[in-house]
Amino acid sequence: VFHVKESGWEFKGNFDVGELHWEYQAIPKG
């Protein structure tokens, strides 16, 4: 993920999709 702003672009991080899967699965569904 990158964020482009007036001072230039900034790298915001690298996130493993395997870990994201369990992170989002733990969120209660509406």
PDB file of all heavy atoms in Angstrom:
ATOM      1  N   VAL A   1       0.848  -1.195   0.000  1.00  0.00           N
ATOM      2  CA  VAL A   1       0.000   0.000   0.000  1.00  0.00           C
ATOM      3  C   VAL A   1       0.884   1.246   0.000  1.00  0.00           C
ATOM      4  O   VAL A   1       1.846   1.345   0.770  1.00  0.00           O
ATOM      5  CB  VAL A   1      -0.939   0.023   1.219  1.00  0.00           C
ATOM      6  CG1 VAL A   1      -1.850   1.247   1.172  1.00  0.00           C
ATOM      7  CG2 VAL A   1      -1.768  -1.255   1.276  1.00  0.00           C
ATOM      8  N   PHE A   2       0.521   2.205  -0.876  1.00  0.00           N
ATOM      9  CA  PHE A   2       1.223   3.483  -0.975  1.00  0.00           C
ATOM     10  C   PHE A   2       0.211   4.616  -0.835  1.00  0.00           C
ATOM     11  O   PHE A   2      -0.946   4.484  -1.237  1.00  0.00           O
ATOM     12  CB  PHE A   2       1.930   3.632  -2.321  1.00  0.00           C
ATOM     13  CG  PHE A   2       3.127   2.740  -2.509  1.00  0.00           C
ATOM     14  CD1 PHE A   2       2.971   1.385  -2.775  1.00  0.00           C
ATOM     15  CD2 PHE A   2       4.411   3.253  -2.422  1.00  0.00           C
ATOM     16  CE1 PHE A   2       4.063   0.558  -2.957  1.00  0.00           C
ATOM     17  CE2 PHE A   2       5.517   2.441  -2.599  1.00  0.00           C
ATOM     18  CZ  PHE A   2       5.350   1.086  -2.871  1.00  0.00           C
ATOM     19  N   HIS A   3       0.687   5.739  -0.284  1.00  0.00           N
ATOM     20  CA  HIS A   3      -0.136   6.939  -0.171  1.00  0.00           C
ATOM     21  C   HIS A   3       0.589   8.077  -0.885  1.00  0.00           C
ATOM     22  O   HIS A   3       1.723   8.419  -0.532  1.00  0.00           O
ATOM     23  CB  HIS A   3      -0.363   7.289   1.304  1.00  0.00           C
ATOM     24  CG  HIS A   3      -1.188   8.525   1.502  1.00  0.00           C
ATOM     25  ND1 HIS A   3      -1.120   9.308   2.644  1.00  0.00           N
ATOM     26  CD2 HIS A   3      -2.105   9.134   0.701  1.00  0.00           C
ATOM     27  CE1 HIS A   3      -1.958  10.317   2.541  1.00  0.00           C
ATOM     28  NE2 HIS A   3      -2.563  10.245   1.367  1.00  0.00           N
ATOM     29  N   VAL A   4      -0.047   8.648  -1.909  1.00  0.00           N
ATOM     30  CA  VAL A   4       0.516   9.776  -2.649  1.00  0.00           C
ATOM     31  C   VAL A   4      -0.074  11.058  -2.072  1.00  0.00           C
ATOM     32  O   VAL A   4      -1.296  11.225  -2.035  1.00  0.00           O
ATOM     33  CB  VAL A   4       0.196   9.673  -4.156  1.00  0.00           C
ATOM     34  CG1 VAL A   4       0.795  10.864  -4.902  1.00  0.00           C
ATOM     35  CG2 VAL A   4       0.728   8.363  -4.725  1.00  0.00           C
ATOM     36  N   LYS A   5       0.811  11.951  -1.639  1.00  0.00           N
ATOM     37  CA  LYS A   5       0.360  13.223  -1.074  1.00  0.00           C
ATOM     38  C   LYS A   5       1.221  14.349  -1.631  1.00  0.00           C
ATOM     39  O   LYS A   5       2.103  14.113  -2.471  1.00  0.00           O
ATOM     40  CB  LYS A   5       0.409  13.177   0.452  1.00  0.00           C
ATOM     41  CG  LYS A   5       1.679  12.607   1.034  1.00  0.00           C
ATOM     42  CD  LYS A   5       1.538  12.352   2.522  1.00  0.00           C
ATOM     43  CE  LYS A   5       2.794  11.700   3.078  1.00  0.00           C
ATOM     44  NZ  LYS A   5       2.669  11.436   4.525  1.00  0.00           N
ATOM     45  N   GLU A   6       0.971  15.567  -1.171  1.00  0.00           N
ATOM     46  CA  GLU A   6       1.641  16.737  -1.756  1.00  0.00           C
ATOM     47  C   GLU A   6       3.157  16.677  -1.593  1.00  0.00           C
ATOM     48  O   GLU A   6       3.903  17.154  -2.455  1.00  0.00           O
ATOM     49  CB  GLU A   6       1.104  18.024  -1.127  1.00  0.00           C
ATOM     50  CG  GLU A   6       1.573  19.281  -1.810  1.00  0.00           C
ATOM     51  CD  GLU A   6       0.872  20.530  -1.305  1.00  0.00           C
ATOM     52  OE1 GLU A   6       0.070  20.414  -0.353  1.00  0.00           O
ATOM     53  OE2 GLU A   6       1.132  21.616  -1.856  1.00  0.00           O
ATOM     54  N   SER A   7       3.629  16.082  -0.524  1.00  0.00           N
ATOM     55  CA  SER A   7       5.068  15.988  -0.279  1.00  0.00           C
ATOM     56  C   SER A   7       5.711  14.807  -0.993  1.00  0.00           C
ATOM     57  O   SER A   7       6.907  14.579  -0.865  1.00  0.00           O
ATOM     58  CB  SER A   7       5.335  15.875   1.226  1.00  0.00           C
ATOM     59  OG  SER A   7       4.675  14.745   1.773  1.00  0.00           O
ATOM     60  N   GLY A   8       4.920  14.033  -1.732  1.00  0.00           N
ATOM     61  CA  GLY A   8       5.432  12.869  -2.452  1.00  0.00           C
ATOM     62  C   GLY A   8       4.741  11.597  -1.998  1.00  0.00           C
ATOM     63  O   GLY A   8       3.868  11.603  -1.133  1.00  0.00           O
ATOM     64  N   TRP A   9       5.139  10.477  -2.610  1.00  0.00           N
ATOM     65  CA  TRP A   9       4.519   9.209  -2.217  1.00  0.00           C
ATOM     66  C   TRP A   9       5.193   8.646  -0.957  1.00  0.00           C
ATOM     67  O   TRP A   9       6.341   8.941  -0.664  1.00  0.00           O
ATOM     68  CB  TRP A   9       4.579   8.193  -3.357  1.00  0.00           C
ATOM     69  CG  TRP A   9       5.961   7.890  -3.885  1.00  0.00           C
ATOM     70  CD1 TRP A   9       6.547   8.421  -4.985  1.00  0.00           C
ATOM     71  CD2 TRP A   9       6.919   6.983  -3.320  1.00  0.00           C
ATOM     72  NE1 TRP A   9       7.812   7.913  -5.158  1.00  0.00           N
ATOM     73  CE2 TRP A   9       8.067   7.026  -4.151  1.00  0.00           C
ATOM     74  CE3 TRP A   9       6.929   6.152  -2.213  1.00  0.00           C
ATOM     75  CZ2 TRP A   9       9.200   6.255  -3.904  1.00  0.00           C
ATOM     76  CZ3 TRP A   9       8.068   5.384  -1.961  1.00  0.00           C
ATOM     77  CH2 TRP A   9       9.182   5.441  -2.802  1.00  0.00           C
ATOM     78  N   GLU A  10       4.420   7.845  -0.246  1.00  0.00           N
ATOM     79  CA  GLU A  10       4.916   7.219   0.983  1.00  0.00           C
ATOM     80  C   GLU A  10       4.457   5.767   1.022  1.00  0.00           C
ATOM     81  O   GLU A  10       3.274   5.475   0.807  1.00  0.00           O
ATOM     82  CB  GLU A  10       4.395   7.961   2.211  1.00  0.00           C
ATOM     83  CG  GLU A  10       4.856   7.376   3.534  1.00  0.00           C
ATOM     84  CD  GLU A  10       4.268   8.084   4.740  1.00  0.00           C
ATOM     85  OE1 GLU A  10       3.578   9.105   4.548  1.00  0.00           O
ATOM     86  OE2 GLU A  10       4.478   7.614   5.877  1.00  0.00           O
ATOM     87  N   PHE A  11       5.383   4.860   1.266  1.00  0.00           N
ATOM     88  CA  PHE A  11       5.048   3.442   1.393  1.00  0.00           C
ATOM     89  C   PHE A  11       4.445   3.204   2.771  1.00  0.00           C
ATOM     90  O   PHE A  11       5.061   3.516   3.791  1.00  0.00           O
ATOM     91  CB  PHE A  11       6.302   2.588   1.196  1.00  0.00           C
ATOM     92  CG  PHE A  11       6.066   1.111   1.371  1.00  0.00           C
ATOM     93  CD1 PHE A  11       5.197   0.430   0.550  1.00  0.00           C
ATOM     94  CD2 PHE A  11       6.723   0.416   2.379  1.00  0.00           C
ATOM     95  CE1 PHE A  11       4.981  -0.929   0.712  1.00  0.00           C
ATOM     96  CE2 PHE A  11       6.521  -0.944   2.551  1.00  0.00           C
ATOM     97  CZ  PHE A  11       5.644  -1.624   1.715  1.00  0.00           C
ATOM     98  N   LYS A  12       3.241   2.615   2.801  1.00  0.00           N
ATOM     99  CA  LYS A  12       2.519   2.468   4.071  1.00  0.00           C
ATOM    100  C   LYS A  12       2.617   1.067   4.660  1.00  0.00           C
ATOM    101  O   LYS A  12       2.216   0.854   5.800  1.00  0.00           O
ATOM    102  CB  LYS A  12       1.046   2.835   3.882  1.00  0.00           C
ATOM    103  CG  LYS A  12       0.824   4.236   3.342  1.00  0.00           C
ATOM    104  CD  LYS A  12       1.453   5.296   4.215  1.00  0.00           C
ATOM    105  CE  LYS A  12       0.756   5.453   5.553  1.00  0.00           C
ATOM    106  NZ  LYS A  12       1.272   6.618   6.302  1.00  0.00           N
ATOM    107  N   GLY A  13       3.126   0.102   3.897  1.00  0.00           N
ATOM    108  CA  GLY A  13       3.316  -1.216   4.494  1.00  0.00           C
ATOM    109  C   GLY A  13       3.022  -2.365   3.558  1.00  0.00           C
ATOM    110  O   GLY A  13       2.393  -2.217   2.504  1.00  0.00           O
ATOM    111  N   ASN A  14       3.530  -3.526   3.966  1.00  0.00           N
ATOM    112  CA  ASN A  14       3.309  -4.795   3.261  1.00  0.00           C
ATOM    113  C   ASN A  14       2.535  -5.715   4.194  1.00  0.00           C
ATOM    114  O   ASN A  14       2.929  -5.910   5.351  1.00  0.00           O
ATOM    115  CB  ASN A  14       4.654  -5.412   2.873  1.00  0.00           C
ATOM    116  CG  ASN A  14       4.517  -6.803   2.288  1.00  0.00           C
ATOM    117  OD1 ASN A  14       4.522  -7.791   3.016  1.00  0.00           O
ATOM    118  ND2 ASN A  14       4.401  -6.883   0.977  1.00  0.00           N
ATOM    119  N   PHE A  15       1.426  -6.282   3.699  1.00  0.00           N
ATOM    120  CA  PHE A  15       0.530  -7.065   4.548  1.00  0.00           C
ATOM    121  C   PHE A  15       0.281  -8.428   3.903  1.00  0.00           C
ATOM    122  O   PHE A  15      -0.218  -8.501   2.774  1.00  0.00           O
ATOM    123  CB  PHE A  15      -0.795  -6.333   4.746  1.00  0.00           C
ATOM    124  CG  PHE A  15      -0.645  -4.916   5.220  1.00  0.00           C
ATOM    125  CD1 PHE A  15      -0.587  -3.870   4.310  1.00  0.00           C
ATOM    126  CD2 PHE A  15      -0.534  -4.621   6.570  1.00  0.00           C
ATOM    127  CE1 PHE A  15      -0.439  -2.557   4.730  1.00  0.00           C
ATOM    128  CE2 PHE A  15      -0.377  -3.311   7.007  1.00  0.00           C
ATOM    129  CZ  PHE A  15      -0.326  -2.278   6.085  1.00  0.00           C
ATOM    130  N   ASP A  16       0.643  -9.499   4.613  1.00  0.00           N
ATOM    131  CA  ASP A  16       0.450 -10.851   4.102  1.00  0.00           C
ATOM    132  C   ASP A  16      -1.034 -11.169   4.021  1.00  0.00           C
ATOM    133  O   ASP A  16      -1.782 -10.959   4.989  1.00  0.00           O
ATOM    134  CB  ASP A  16       1.154 -11.850   5.026  1.00  0.00           C
ATOM    135  CG  ASP A  16       1.086 -13.260   4.481  1.00  0.00           C
ATOM    136  OD1 ASP A  16       0.112 -13.972   4.800  1.00  0.00           O
ATOM    137  OD2 ASP A  16       1.997 -13.634   3.720  1.00  0.00           O
ATOM    138  N   VAL A  17      -1.483 -11.685   2.868  1.00  0.00           N
ATOM    139  CA  VAL A  17      -2.921 -11.914   2.699  1.00  0.00           C
ATOM    140  C   VAL A  17      -3.426 -13.054   3.584  1.00  0.00           C
ATOM    141  O   VAL A  17      -4.615 -13.097   3.938  1.00  0.00           O
ATOM    142  CB  VAL A  17      -3.274 -12.187   1.218  1.00  0.00           C
ATOM    143  CG1 VAL A  17      -2.959 -10.979   0.365  1.00  0.00           C
ATOM    144  CG2 VAL A  17      -2.562 -13.417   0.694  1.00  0.00           C
ATOM    145  N   GLY A  18      -2.530 -13.992   3.944  1.00  0.00           N
ATOM    146  CA  GLY A  18      -2.943 -15.057   4.855  1.00  0.00           C
ATOM    147  C   GLY A  18      -3.311 -14.519   6.223  1.00  0.00           C
ATOM    148  O   GLY A  18      -4.326 -14.916   6.820  1.00  0.00           O
ATOM    149  N   GLU A  19      -2.511 -13.590   6.718  1.00  0.00           N
ATOM    150  CA  GLU A  19      -2.811 -12.979   8.012  1.00  0.00           C
ATOM    151  C   GLU A  19      -4.039 -12.071   7.914  1.00  0.00           C
ATOM    152  O   GLU A  19      -4.847 -11.999   8.858  1.00  0.00           O
ATOM    153  CB  GLU A  19      -1.594 -12.187   8.494  1.00  0.00           C
ATOM    154  CG  GLU A  19      -0.372 -13.051   8.759  1.00  0.00           C
ATOM    155  CD  GLU A  19       0.852 -12.239   9.134  1.00  0.00           C
ATOM    156  OE1 GLU A  19       0.724 -10.998   9.221  1.00  0.00           O
ATOM    157  OE2 GLU A  19       1.920 -12.845   9.342  1.00  0.00           O
ATOM    158  N   LEU A  20      -4.178 -11.375   6.788  1.00  0.00           N
ATOM    159  CA  LEU A  20      -5.358 -10.521   6.608  1.00  0.00           C
ATOM    160  C   LEU A  20      -6.635 -11.346   6.601  1.00  0.00           C
ATOM    161  O   LEU A  20      -7.684 -10.895   7.087  1.00  0.00           O
ATOM    162  CB  LEU A  20      -5.249  -9.730   5.301  1.00  0.00           C
ATOM    163  CG  LEU A  20      -4.226  -8.597   5.259  1.00  0.00           C
ATOM    164  CD1 LEU A  20      -4.229  -7.947   3.881  1.00  0.00           C
ATOM    165  CD2 LEU A  20      -4.526  -7.551   6.324  1.00  0.00           C
ATOM    166  N   HIS A  21      -6.565 -12.554   6.049  1.00  0.00           N
ATOM    167  CA  HIS A  21      -7.757 -13.407   5.978  1.00  0.00           C
ATOM    168  C   HIS A  21      -8.318 -13.657   7.371  1.00  0.00           C
ATOM    169  O   HIS A  21      -9.526 -13.489   7.610  1.00  0.00           O
ATOM    170  CB  HIS A  21      -7.407 -14.734   5.305  1.00  0.00           C
ATOM    171  CG  HIS A  21      -8.548 -15.706   5.281  1.00  0.00           C
ATOM    172  ND1 HIS A  21      -9.609 -15.591   4.415  1.00  0.00           N
ATOM    173  CD2 HIS A  21      -8.794 -16.800   6.049  1.00  0.00           C
ATOM    174  CE1 HIS A  21     -10.453 -16.574   4.628  1.00  0.00           C
ATOM    175  NE2 HIS A  21      -9.994 -17.327   5.626  1.00  0.00           N
ATOM    176  N   TRP A  22      -7.450 -14.060   8.292  1.00  0.00           N
ATOM    177  CA  TRP A  22      -7.935 -14.362   9.638  1.00  0.00           C
ATOM    178  C   TRP A  22      -8.308 -13.091  10.391  1.00  0.00           C
ATOM    179  O   TRP A  22      -9.218 -13.101  11.228  1.00  0.00           O
ATOM    180  CB  TRP A  22      -6.877 -15.155  10.403  1.00  0.00           C
ATOM    181  CG  TRP A  22      -6.613 -16.476   9.750  1.00  0.00           C
ATOM    182  CD1 TRP A  22      -5.480 -16.881   9.119  1.00  0.00           C
ATOM    183  CD2 TRP A  22      -7.547 -17.550   9.627  1.00  0.00           C
ATOM    184  NE1 TRP A  22      -5.639 -18.137   8.614  1.00  0.00           N
ATOM    185  CE2 TRP A  22      -6.897 -18.588   8.915  1.00  0.00           C
ATOM    186  CE3 TRP A  22      -8.859 -17.759  10.053  1.00  0.00           C
ATOM    187  CZ2 TRP A  22      -7.513 -19.789   8.615  1.00  0.00           C
ATOM    188  CZ3 TRP A  22      -9.482 -18.962   9.749  1.00  0.00           C
ATOM    189  CH2 TRP A  22      -8.820 -19.959   9.045  1.00  0.00           C
ATOM    190  N   GLU A  23      -7.645 -11.995  10.092  1.00  0.00           N
ATOM    191  CA  GLU A  23      -8.001 -10.723  10.716  1.00  0.00           C
ATOM    192  C   GLU A  23      -9.412 -10.304  10.334  1.00  0.00           C
ATOM    193  O   GLU A  23     -10.214  -9.897  11.186  1.00  0.00           O
ATOM    194  CB  GLU A  23      -7.005  -9.643  10.285  1.00  0.00           C
ATOM    195  CG  GLU A  23      -7.325  -8.252  10.816  1.00  0.00           C
ATOM    196  CD  GLU A  23      -6.370  -7.199  10.288  1.00  0.00           C
ATOM    197  OE1 GLU A  23      -5.198  -7.544   9.998  1.00  0.00           O
ATOM    198  OE2 GLU A  23      -6.776  -6.021  10.167  1.00  0.00           O
ATOM    199  N   TYR A  24      -9.751 -10.430   9.037  1.00  0.00           N
ATOM    200  CA  TYR A  24     -11.075 -10.019   8.587  1.00  0.00           C
ATOM    201  C   TYR A  24     -12.146 -11.038   8.961  1.00  0.00           C
ATOM    202  O   TYR A  24     -13.307 -10.670   9.178  1.00  0.00           O
ATOM    203  CB  TYR A  24     -11.068  -9.805   7.070  1.00  0.00           C
ATOM    204  CG  TYR A  24     -10.284  -8.585   6.645  1.00  0.00           C
ATOM    205  CD1 TYR A  24      -9.453  -8.626   5.530  1.00  0.00           C
ATOM    206  CD2 TYR A  24     -10.357  -7.399   7.359  1.00  0.00           C
ATOM    207  CE1 TYR A  24      -8.725  -7.512   5.139  1.00  0.00           C
ATOM    208  CE2 TYR A  24      -9.635  -6.287   6.984  1.00  0.00           C
ATOM    209  CZ  TYR A  24      -8.815  -6.347   5.869  1.00  0.00           C
ATOM    210  OH  TYR A  24      -8.095  -5.234   5.499  1.00  0.00           O
ATOM    211  N   GLN A  25     -11.761 -12.317   9.056  1.00  0.00           N
ATOM    212  CA  GLN A  25     -12.732 -13.331   9.455  1.00  0.00           C
ATOM    213  C   GLN A  25     -13.177 -13.145  10.900  1.00  0.00           C
ATOM    214  O   GLN A  25     -14.284 -13.525  11.271  1.00  0.00           O
ATOM    215  CB  GLN A  25     -12.130 -14.725   9.283  1.00  0.00           C
ATOM    216  CG  GLN A  25     -11.982 -15.165   7.848  1.00  0.00           C
ATOM    217  CD  GLN A  25     -13.304 -15.270   7.129  1.00  0.00           C
ATOM    218  OE1 GLN A  25     -14.254 -15.871   7.614  1.00  0.00           O
ATOM    219  NE2 GLN A  25     -13.392 -14.642   5.958  1.00  0.00           N
ATOM    220  N   ALA A  26     -12.307 -12.556  11.723  1.00  0.00           N
ATOM    221  CA  ALA A  26     -12.635 -12.361  13.138  1.00  0.00           C
ATOM    222  C   ALA A  26     -13.578 -11.181  13.357  1.00  0.00           C
ATOM    223  O   ALA A  26     -14.147 -11.033  14.453  1.00  0.00           O
ATOM    224  CB  ALA A  26     -11.346 -12.133  13.934  1.00  0.00           C
ATOM    225  N   ILE A  27     -13.766 -10.337  12.337  1.00  0.00           N
ATOM    226  CA  ILE A  27     -14.668  -9.197  12.486  1.00  0.00           C
ATOM    227  C   ILE A  27     -16.114  -9.669  12.369  1.00  0.00           C
ATOM    228  O   ILE A  27     -16.459 -10.343  11.409  1.00  0.00           O
ATOM    229  CB  ILE A  27     -14.343  -8.136  11.404  1.00  0.00           C
ATOM    230  CG1 ILE A  27     -12.913  -7.638  11.553  1.00  0.00           C
ATOM    231  CG2 ILE A  27     -15.338  -6.977  11.502  1.00  0.00           C
ATOM    232  CD1 ILE A  27     -12.495  -6.680  10.461  1.00  0.00           C
ATOM    233  N   PRO A  28     -16.973  -9.322  13.330  1.00  0.00           N
ATOM    234  CA  PRO A  28     -18.386  -9.752  13.254  1.00  0.00           C
ATOM    235  C   PRO A  28     -19.046  -9.218  11.979  1.00  0.00           C
ATOM    236  O   PRO A  28     -18.843  -8.061  11.586  1.00  0.00           O
ATOM    237  CB  PRO A  28     -19.010  -9.137  14.509  1.00  0.00           C
ATOM    238  CG  PRO A  28     -17.870  -8.896  15.425  1.00  0.00           C
ATOM    239  CD  PRO A  28     -16.689  -8.581  14.562  1.00  0.00           C
ATOM    240  N   LYS A  29     -19.835 -10.075  11.344  1.00  0.00           N
ATOM    241  CA  LYS A  29     -20.524  -9.673  10.118  1.00  0.00           C
ATOM    242  C   LYS A  29     -21.816  -8.930  10.455  1.00  0.00           C
ATOM    243  O   LYS A  29     -22.540  -9.290  11.374  1.00  0.00           O
ATOM    244  CB  LYS A  29     -20.867 -10.917   9.278  1.00  0.00           C
ATOM    245  CG  LYS A  29     -19.657 -11.782   8.945  1.00  0.00           C
ATOM    246  CD  LYS A  29     -18.669 -11.042   8.076  1.00  0.00           C
ATOM    247  CE  LYS A  29     -17.557 -11.953   7.587  1.00  0.00           C
ATOM    248  NZ  LYS A  29     -16.709 -12.474   8.672  1.00  0.00           N
ATOM    249  N   GLY A  30     -22.092  -7.874   9.710  1.00  0.00           N
ATOM    250  CA  GLY A  30     -23.306  -7.118   9.905  1.00  0.00           C
ATOM    251  C   GLY A  30     -24.503  -7.816   9.279  1.00  0.00           C
ATOM    252  O   GLY A  30     -24.364  -8.788   8.533  1.00  0.00           O
TER     253      GLY A  30
END
